[in-house]
Amino acid sequence: MILYLHGFRSSPNSFKARLLAARLAELGRADEWCCPMLPVSPFETVALVESLVAAAGAGHDTTRDTKHGTKNDPSGVTVIGSSLGGYFATYLAEKHGWPAVLLNPAVVPQRDLSAYLGEQPLWHGGGSIVVEPHHLDELRALSVTAITRPERYYLLAATGDEVLDYREMLAHYPGARTTLIEGSDHAISEFADYLDDVLAFCDAWHEEPPAPREAA
């Protein structure tokens, strides 16, 4: 399962989500794609994601030590998070041991979104959400102070991000595989150029390990 978590005020109709969905369909892999509309509540978002993974039967074995598992752990889930979705992806990666791709991820959204309390229009399809103070408290509760196993992460950060500071992203994901995009913007308008890199990272985590060689 490739699980895409969209950003604040966004939706499954975001252009990055549509590009990824189309690419997987071209490869005959549309059944791997999952991109839900996320609730405004961070706690409800996490619960929704975990329920979708459980329903798909692709959850990680929670009895295992997720900090010390092998790279070829066949959990079957990779999470891709854009902006605020990257914050959720980081929390879920740490909790469940899932690999994560982060696209201009939010690092301190409880700070950044404090200016967006109240009713906020959605970017796609009309409608709105209402951001309440307790949502900021929920974000704070999901904070990951420091990541473990940086090889679990692939960070794409744009120096031209007009919404979030790419330097905070670099500092928060030390040792992670990183593509630093000179210029660009928060949406990563050139995302089509990185589709295959993102999918290659997802696939590398779920390859079957090679069979053991027989002793001579």
C-alpha atoms as a PDB file:
ATOM      1  CA  MET A   1       0.000   0.000   0.000  1.00  0.00           C
ATOM      2  CA  ILE A   2       1.214   3.474  -0.924  1.00  0.00           C
ATOM      3  CA  LEU A   3      -0.619   5.835   1.386  1.00  0.00           C
ATOM      4  CA  TYR A   4      -0.672   9.533   0.455  1.00  0.00           C
ATOM      5  CA  LEU A   5      -1.473  12.150   3.102  1.00  0.00           C
ATOM      6  CA  HIS A   6      -2.332  15.562   1.684  1.00  0.00           C
ATOM      7  CA  GLY A   7      -1.600  18.920   3.241  1.00  0.00           C
ATOM      8  CA  PHE A   8      -3.591  21.554   5.081  1.00  0.00           C
ATOM      9  CA  ARG A   9      -6.750  22.637   3.205  1.00  0.00           C
ATOM     10  CA  SER A  10      -5.818  20.231   0.415  1.00  0.00           C
ATOM     11  CA  SER A  11      -7.456  16.994  -0.724  1.00  0.00           C
ATOM     12  CA  PRO A  12      -6.943  13.814  -2.771  1.00  0.00           C
ATOM     13  CA  ASN A  13      -7.333  16.101  -5.807  1.00  0.00           C
ATOM     14  CA  SER A  14      -4.002  17.812  -5.183  1.00  0.00           C
ATOM     15  CA  PHE A  15      -1.804  17.749  -8.257  1.00  0.00           C
ATOM     16  CA  LYS A  16       0.956  15.678  -6.597  1.00  0.00           C
ATOM     17  CA  ALA A  17      -1.571  13.055  -5.540  1.00  0.00           C
ATOM     18  CA  ARG A  18      -3.062  12.946  -9.016  1.00  0.00           C
ATOM     19  CA  LEU A  19       0.370  12.598 -10.615  1.00  0.00           C
ATOM     20  CA  LEU A  20       1.289   9.690  -8.362  1.00  0.00           C
ATOM     21  CA  ALA A  21      -2.059   7.976  -8.877  1.00  0.00           C
ATOM     22  CA  ALA A  22      -1.733   8.309 -12.650  1.00  0.00           C
ATOM     23  CA  ARG A  23       1.825   6.964 -12.632  1.00  0.00           C
ATOM     24  CA  LEU A  24       0.840   3.920 -10.592  1.00  0.00           C
ATOM     25  CA  ALA A  25      -2.091   3.310 -12.947  1.00  0.00           C
ATOM     26  CA  GLU A  26       0.306   3.429 -15.907  1.00  0.00           C
ATOM     27  CA  LEU A  27       2.411   0.783 -14.181  1.00  0.00           C
ATOM     28  CA  GLY A  28      -0.621  -1.422 -13.533  1.00  0.00           C
ATOM     29  CA  ARG A  29      -0.377  -0.768  -9.811  1.00  0.00           C
ATOM     30  CA  ALA A  30      -3.504   1.301  -9.163  1.00  0.00           C
ATOM     31  CA  ASP A  31      -4.623  -1.149  -6.492  1.00  0.00           C
ATOM     32  CA  GLU A  32      -1.668  -0.095  -4.295  1.00  0.00           C
ATOM     33  CA  TRP A  33      -2.857   3.531  -4.090  1.00  0.00           C
ATOM     34  CA  CYS A  34      -4.710   4.954  -1.091  1.00  0.00           C
ATOM     35  CA  CYS A  35      -5.334   8.676  -0.691  1.00  0.00           C
ATOM     36  CA  PRO A  36      -8.103   9.531   1.783  1.00  0.00           C
ATOM     37  CA  MET A  37      -9.642  12.904   2.499  1.00  0.00           C
ATOM     38  CA  LEU A  38      -8.212  13.744   5.904  1.00  0.00           C
ATOM     39  CA  PRO A  39     -10.311  15.129   8.782  1.00  0.00           C
ATOM     40  CA  VAL A  40      -9.408  18.478  10.295  1.00  0.00           C
ATOM     41  CA  SER A  41      -8.685  16.759  13.635  1.00  0.00           C
ATOM     42  CA  PRO A  42      -5.120  15.377  13.790  1.00  0.00           C
ATOM     43  CA  PHE A  43      -6.204  12.593  16.152  1.00  0.00           C
ATOM     44  CA  GLU A  44      -8.996  11.601  13.781  1.00  0.00           C
ATOM     45  CA  THR A  45      -6.537  11.692  10.874  1.00  0.00           C
ATOM     46  CA  VAL A  46      -4.217   9.213  12.573  1.00  0.00           C
ATOM     47  CA  ALA A  47      -7.136   6.969  13.521  1.00  0.00           C
ATOM     48  CA  LEU A  48      -8.458   7.030   9.947  1.00  0.00           C
ATOM     49  CA  VAL A  49      -5.089   6.109   8.464  1.00  0.00           C
ATOM     50  CA  GLU A  50      -4.551   3.267  10.902  1.00  0.00           C
ATOM     51  CA  SER A  51      -8.034   1.910  10.253  1.00  0.00           C
ATOM     52  CA  LEU A  52      -7.470   1.973   6.473  1.00  0.00           C
ATOM     53  CA  VAL A  53      -4.201   0.085   6.832  1.00  0.00           C
ATOM     54  CA  ALA A  54      -5.772  -2.434   9.173  1.00  0.00           C
ATOM     55  CA  ALA A  55      -8.678  -2.945   6.788  1.00  0.00           C
ATOM     56  CA  ALA A  56      -6.235  -3.584   3.955  1.00  0.00           C
ATOM     57  CA  GLY A  57      -4.459  -6.203   6.021  1.00  0.00           C
ATOM     58  CA  ALA A  58      -1.131  -4.503   5.414  1.00  0.00           C
ATOM     59  CA  GLY A  59      -0.310  -3.364   8.935  1.00  0.00           C
ATOM     60  CA  HIS A  60       3.040  -3.788  10.614  1.00  0.00           C
ATOM     61  CA  ASP A  61       3.414  -6.528  13.214  1.00  0.00           C
ATOM     62  CA  THR A  62       3.195  -4.452  16.375  1.00  0.00           C
ATOM     63  CA  THR A  63       4.911  -7.169  18.405  1.00  0.00           C
ATOM     64  CA  ARG A  64       8.158  -6.480  16.581  1.00  0.00           C
ATOM     65  CA  ASP A  65      10.793  -3.932  17.511  1.00  0.00           C
ATOM     66  CA  THR A  66      10.257  -1.334  14.788  1.00  0.00           C
ATOM     67  CA  LYS A  67      13.448   0.516  15.667  1.00  0.00           C
ATOM     68  CA  HIS A  68      15.663  -2.426  14.845  1.00  0.00           C
ATOM     69  CA  GLY A  69      13.887  -4.280  12.056  1.00  0.00           C
ATOM     70  CA  THR A  70      15.511  -4.949   8.710  1.00  0.00           C
ATOM     71  CA  LYS A  71      15.170  -2.676   5.705  1.00  0.00           C
ATOM     72  CA  ASN A  72      13.410  -5.486   3.846  1.00  0.00           C
ATOM     73  CA  ASP A  73      10.637  -5.615   6.420  1.00  0.00           C
ATOM     74  CA  PRO A  74       7.577  -6.664   4.367  1.00  0.00           C
ATOM     75  CA  SER A  75       5.071  -4.467   6.206  1.00  0.00           C
ATOM     76  CA  GLY A  76       3.576  -3.503   2.863  1.00  0.00           C
ATOM     77  CA  VAL A  77       2.994   0.162   3.738  1.00  0.00           C
ATOM     78  CA  THR A  78       4.813   3.276   2.601  1.00  0.00           C
ATOM     79  CA  VAL A  79       3.433   6.644   3.602  1.00  0.00           C
ATOM     80  CA  ILE A  80       3.935   9.787   1.518  1.00  0.00           C
ATOM     81  CA  GLY A  81       3.146  13.061   3.235  1.00  0.00           C
ATOM     82  CA  SER A  82       2.955  16.553   1.768  1.00  0.00           C
ATOM     83  CA  SER A  83       3.247  19.610   4.018  1.00  0.00           C
ATOM     84  CA  LEU A  84       1.019  18.909   7.046  1.00  0.00           C
ATOM     85  CA  GLY A  85       0.661  15.373   5.726  1.00  0.00           C
ATOM     86  CA  GLY A  86       4.417  15.038   6.156  1.00  0.00           C
ATOM     87  CA  TYR A  87       4.032  15.759   9.868  1.00  0.00           C
ATOM     88  CA  PHE A  88       1.471  12.968  10.164  1.00  0.00           C
ATOM     89  CA  ALA A  89       3.649  10.683   8.045  1.00  0.00           C
ATOM     90  CA  THR A  90       6.567  11.197  10.425  1.00  0.00           C
ATOM     91  CA  TYR A  91       4.460  10.330  13.466  1.00  0.00           C
ATOM     92  CA  LEU A  92       3.126   7.200  11.768  1.00  0.00           C
ATOM     93  CA  ALA A  93       6.572   6.158  10.535  1.00  0.00           C
ATOM     94  CA  GLU A  94       7.953   6.339  14.043  1.00  0.00           C
ATOM     95  CA  LYS A  95       4.966   4.561  15.590  1.00  0.00           C
ATOM     96  CA  HIS A  96       4.650   1.722  13.077  1.00  0.00           C
ATOM     97  CA  GLY A  97       8.048   1.461  11.446  1.00  0.00           C
ATOM     98  CA  TRP A  98       6.758   2.453   8.023  1.00  0.00           C
ATOM     99  CA  PRO A  99       9.079   4.092   5.494  1.00  0.00           C
ATOM    100  CA  ALA A 100       8.053   7.642   4.648  1.00  0.00           C
ATOM    101  CA  VAL A 101       8.499  10.104   1.805  1.00  0.00           C
ATOM    102  CA  LEU A 102       8.196  13.721   2.938  1.00  0.00           C
ATOM    103  CA  LEU A 103       7.353  16.495   0.485  1.00  0.00           C
ATOM    104  CA  ASN A 104       8.111  19.927   1.976  1.00  0.00           C
ATOM    105  CA  PRO A 105       6.901  18.624   5.347  1.00  0.00           C
ATOM    106  CA  ALA A 106       5.612  20.778   8.169  1.00  0.00           C
ATOM    107  CA  VAL A 107       7.906  20.536  11.199  1.00  0.00           C
ATOM    108  CA  VAL A 108       6.086  22.728  13.755  1.00  0.00           C
ATOM    109  CA  PRO A 109       2.499  22.982  12.435  1.00  0.00           C
ATOM    110  CA  GLN A 110       1.022  23.852  15.821  1.00  0.00           C
ATOM    111  CA  ARG A 111       2.979  27.105  15.531  1.00  0.00           C
ATOM    112  CA  ASP A 112       2.336  27.726  11.850  1.00  0.00           C
ATOM    113  CA  LEU A 113      -1.398  26.987  11.951  1.00  0.00           C
ATOM    114  CA  SER A 114      -2.068  29.208  14.959  1.00  0.00           C
ATOM    115  CA  ALA A 115      -2.682  31.986  12.412  1.00  0.00           C
ATOM    116  CA  TYR A 116      -5.418  29.900  10.734  1.00  0.00           C
ATOM    117  CA  LEU A 117      -7.906  29.396  13.551  1.00  0.00           C
ATOM    118  CA  GLY A 118     -11.532  29.575  12.503  1.00  0.00           C
ATOM    119  CA  GLU A 119     -13.175  28.745   9.195  1.00  0.00           C
ATOM    120  CA  GLN A 120     -10.756  28.122   6.332  1.00  0.00           C
ATOM    121  CA  PRO A 121     -11.691  27.497   2.677  1.00  0.00           C
ATOM    122  CA  LEU A 122     -10.491  24.302   1.011  1.00  0.00           C
ATOM    123  CA  TRP A 123      -8.359  24.479  -2.120  1.00  0.00           C
ATOM    124  CA  HIS A 124     -10.315  21.924  -4.148  1.00  0.00           C
ATOM    125  CA  GLY A 125     -14.015  21.458  -4.743  1.00  0.00           C
ATOM    126  CA  GLY A 126     -15.291  24.204  -2.488  1.00  0.00           C
ATOM    127  CA  GLY A 127     -16.271  23.809   1.132  1.00  0.00           C
ATOM    128  CA  SER A 128     -14.341  24.721   4.234  1.00  0.00           C
ATOM    129  CA  ILE A 129     -12.958  23.430   7.515  1.00  0.00           C
ATOM    130  CA  VAL A 130     -12.990  24.951  10.976  1.00  0.00           C
ATOM    131  CA  VAL A 131      -9.673  24.932  12.829  1.00  0.00           C
ATOM    132  CA  GLU A 132     -10.099  25.056  16.599  1.00  0.00           C
ATOM    133  CA  PRO A 133      -7.522  25.568  19.378  1.00  0.00           C
ATOM    134  CA  HIS A 134      -7.744  21.938  20.484  1.00  0.00           C
ATOM    135  CA  HIS A 135      -6.544  20.884  17.019  1.00  0.00           C
ATOM    136  CA  LEU A 136      -3.265  22.666  17.773  1.00  0.00           C
ATOM    137  CA  ASP A 137      -3.049  20.729  21.050  1.00  0.00           C
ATOM    138  CA  GLU A 138      -3.568  17.504  19.108  1.00  0.00           C
ATOM    139  CA  LEU A 139      -0.777  18.442  16.719  1.00  0.00           C
ATOM    140  CA  ARG A 140       1.506  19.120  19.660  1.00  0.00           C
ATOM    141  CA  ALA A 141       0.723  15.673  21.078  1.00  0.00           C
ATOM    142  CA  LEU A 142       1.834  14.036  17.812  1.00  0.00           C
ATOM    143  CA  SER A 143       5.194  15.779  17.749  1.00  0.00           C
ATOM    144  CA  VAL A 144       8.293  13.690  17.029  1.00  0.00           C
ATOM    145  CA  THR A 145      11.234  15.305  18.794  1.00  0.00           C
ATOM    146  CA  ALA A 146      13.879  13.341  16.879  1.00  0.00           C
ATOM    147  CA  ILE A 147      13.540  10.706  14.201  1.00  0.00           C
ATOM    148  CA  THR A 148      14.975   7.220  14.556  1.00  0.00           C
ATOM    149  CA  ARG A 149      16.445   5.184  11.693  1.00  0.00           C
ATOM    150  CA  PRO A 150      16.913   8.062   9.229  1.00  0.00           C
ATOM    151  CA  GLU A 151      17.244   5.565   6.382  1.00  0.00           C
ATOM    152  CA  ARG A 152      13.489   5.116   6.747  1.00  0.00           C
ATOM    153  CA  TYR A 153      12.921   8.620   5.340  1.00  0.00           C
ATOM    154  CA  TYR A 154      13.199  10.307   1.962  1.00  0.00           C
ATOM    155  CA  LEU A 155      12.939  14.098   2.178  1.00  0.00           C
ATOM    156  CA  LEU A 156      12.207  16.383  -0.773  1.00  0.00           C
ATOM    157  CA  ALA A 157      12.673  19.996   0.276  1.00  0.00           C
ATOM    158  CA  ALA A 158      12.500  23.090  -1.932  1.00  0.00           C
ATOM    159  CA  THR A 159      14.588  26.143  -1.118  1.00  0.00           C
ATOM    160  CA  GLY A 160      11.913  28.284  -2.760  1.00  0.00           C
ATOM    161  CA  ASP A 161       9.112  27.062  -0.469  1.00  0.00           C
ATOM    162  CA  GLU A 162       7.098  30.207   0.231  1.00  0.00           C
ATOM    163  CA  VAL A 163       5.149  28.648   3.112  1.00  0.00           C
ATOM    164  CA  LEU A 164       7.613  26.581   5.155  1.00  0.00           C
ATOM    165  CA  ASP A 165      11.336  26.959   5.850  1.00  0.00           C
ATOM    166  CA  TYR A 166      13.365  24.237   4.135  1.00  0.00           C
ATOM    167  CA  ARG A 167      16.157  24.720   6.713  1.00  0.00           C
ATOM    168  CA  GLU A 168      13.848  23.493   9.466  1.00  0.00           C
ATOM    169  CA  MET A 169      13.128  20.416   7.352  1.00  0.00           C
ATOM    170  CA  LEU A 170      16.817  19.646   6.862  1.00  0.00           C
ATOM    171  CA  ALA A 171      17.509  20.068  10.569  1.00  0.00           C
ATOM    172  CA  HIS A 172      14.610  17.818  11.581  1.00  0.00           C
ATOM    173  CA  TYR A 173      15.595  14.898   9.320  1.00  0.00           C
ATOM    174  CA  PRO A 174      19.374  14.548   9.761  1.00  0.00           C
ATOM    175  CA  GLY A 175      20.825  11.591   7.905  1.00  0.00           C
ATOM    176  CA  ALA A 176      17.702  11.011   5.820  1.00  0.00           C
ATOM    177  CA  ARG A 177      17.990  10.559   2.092  1.00  0.00           C
ATOM    178  CA  THR A 178      17.432  14.097   0.843  1.00  0.00           C
ATOM    179  CA  THR A 179      16.770  15.806  -2.455  1.00  0.00           C
ATOM    180  CA  LEU A 180      17.219  19.541  -2.014  1.00  0.00           C
ATOM    181  CA  ILE A 181      15.463  21.316  -4.855  1.00  0.00           C
ATOM    182  CA  GLU A 182      16.929  24.711  -5.658  1.00  0.00           C
ATOM    183  CA  GLY A 183      14.088  27.174  -6.068  1.00  0.00           C
ATOM    184  CA  SER A 184      10.691  25.641  -6.860  1.00  0.00           C
ATOM    185  CA  ASP A 185       7.822  26.316  -4.432  1.00  0.00           C
ATOM    186  CA  HIS A 186       5.735  24.802  -1.653  1.00  0.00           C
ATOM    187  CA  ALA A 187       3.707  22.721  -4.101  1.00  0.00           C
ATOM    188  CA  ILE A 188       6.884  21.406  -5.812  1.00  0.00           C
ATOM    189  CA  SER A 189       5.604  22.350  -9.239  1.00  0.00           C
ATOM    190  CA  GLU A 190       8.220  20.108 -10.887  1.00  0.00           C
ATOM    191  CA  PHE A 191       7.037  17.062  -8.946  1.00  0.00           C
ATOM    192  CA  ALA A 192       6.603  15.065 -12.155  1.00  0.00           C
ATOM    193  CA  ASP A 193      10.406  15.024 -12.407  1.00  0.00           C
ATOM    194  CA  TYR A 194      10.633  13.174  -9.087  1.00  0.00           C
ATOM    195  CA  LEU A 195       7.844  10.608  -9.458  1.00  0.00           C
ATOM    196  CA  ASP A 196      10.090   7.692 -10.346  1.00  0.00           C
ATOM    197  CA  ASP A 197      12.551   8.511  -7.548  1.00  0.00           C
ATOM    198  CA  VAL A 198       9.717   8.512  -5.022  1.00  0.00           C
ATOM    199  CA  LEU A 199       8.289   5.214  -6.247  1.00  0.00           C
ATOM    200  CA  ALA A 200      11.753   3.628  -6.374  1.00  0.00           C
ATOM    201  CA  PHE A 201      12.248   4.506  -2.713  1.00  0.00           C
ATOM    202  CA  CYS A 202       8.849   3.031  -1.845  1.00  0.00           C
ATOM    203  CA  ASP A 203       9.617  -0.168  -3.731  1.00  0.00           C
ATOM    204  CA  ALA A 204      13.079  -0.626  -2.250  1.00  0.00           C
ATOM    205  CA  TRP A 205      11.584  -0.937   1.211  1.00  0.00           C
ATOM    206  CA  HIS A 206       9.272  -3.763   0.273  1.00  0.00           C
ATOM    207  CA  GLU A 207      11.468  -5.928  -1.883  1.00  0.00           C
ATOM    208  CA  GLU A 208      11.782  -9.483  -0.734  1.00  0.00           C
ATOM    209  CA  PRO A 209      15.234 -10.128   0.771  1.00  0.00           C
ATOM    210  CA  PRO A 210      17.438 -12.429  -1.320  1.00  0.00           C
ATOM    211  CA  ALA A 211      17.231 -16.135  -0.537  1.00  0.00           C
ATOM    212  CA  PRO A 212      20.083 -17.382   1.665  1.00  0.00           C
ATOM    213  CA  ARG A 213      22.904 -18.993  -0.248  1.00  0.00           C
ATOM    214  CA  GLU A 214      23.594 -22.648   0.377  1.00  0.00           C
ATOM    215  CA  ALA A 215      26.921 -23.504   1.886  1.00  0.00           C
ATOM    216  CA  ALA A 216      29.403 -24.903  -0.613  1.00  0.00           C
END
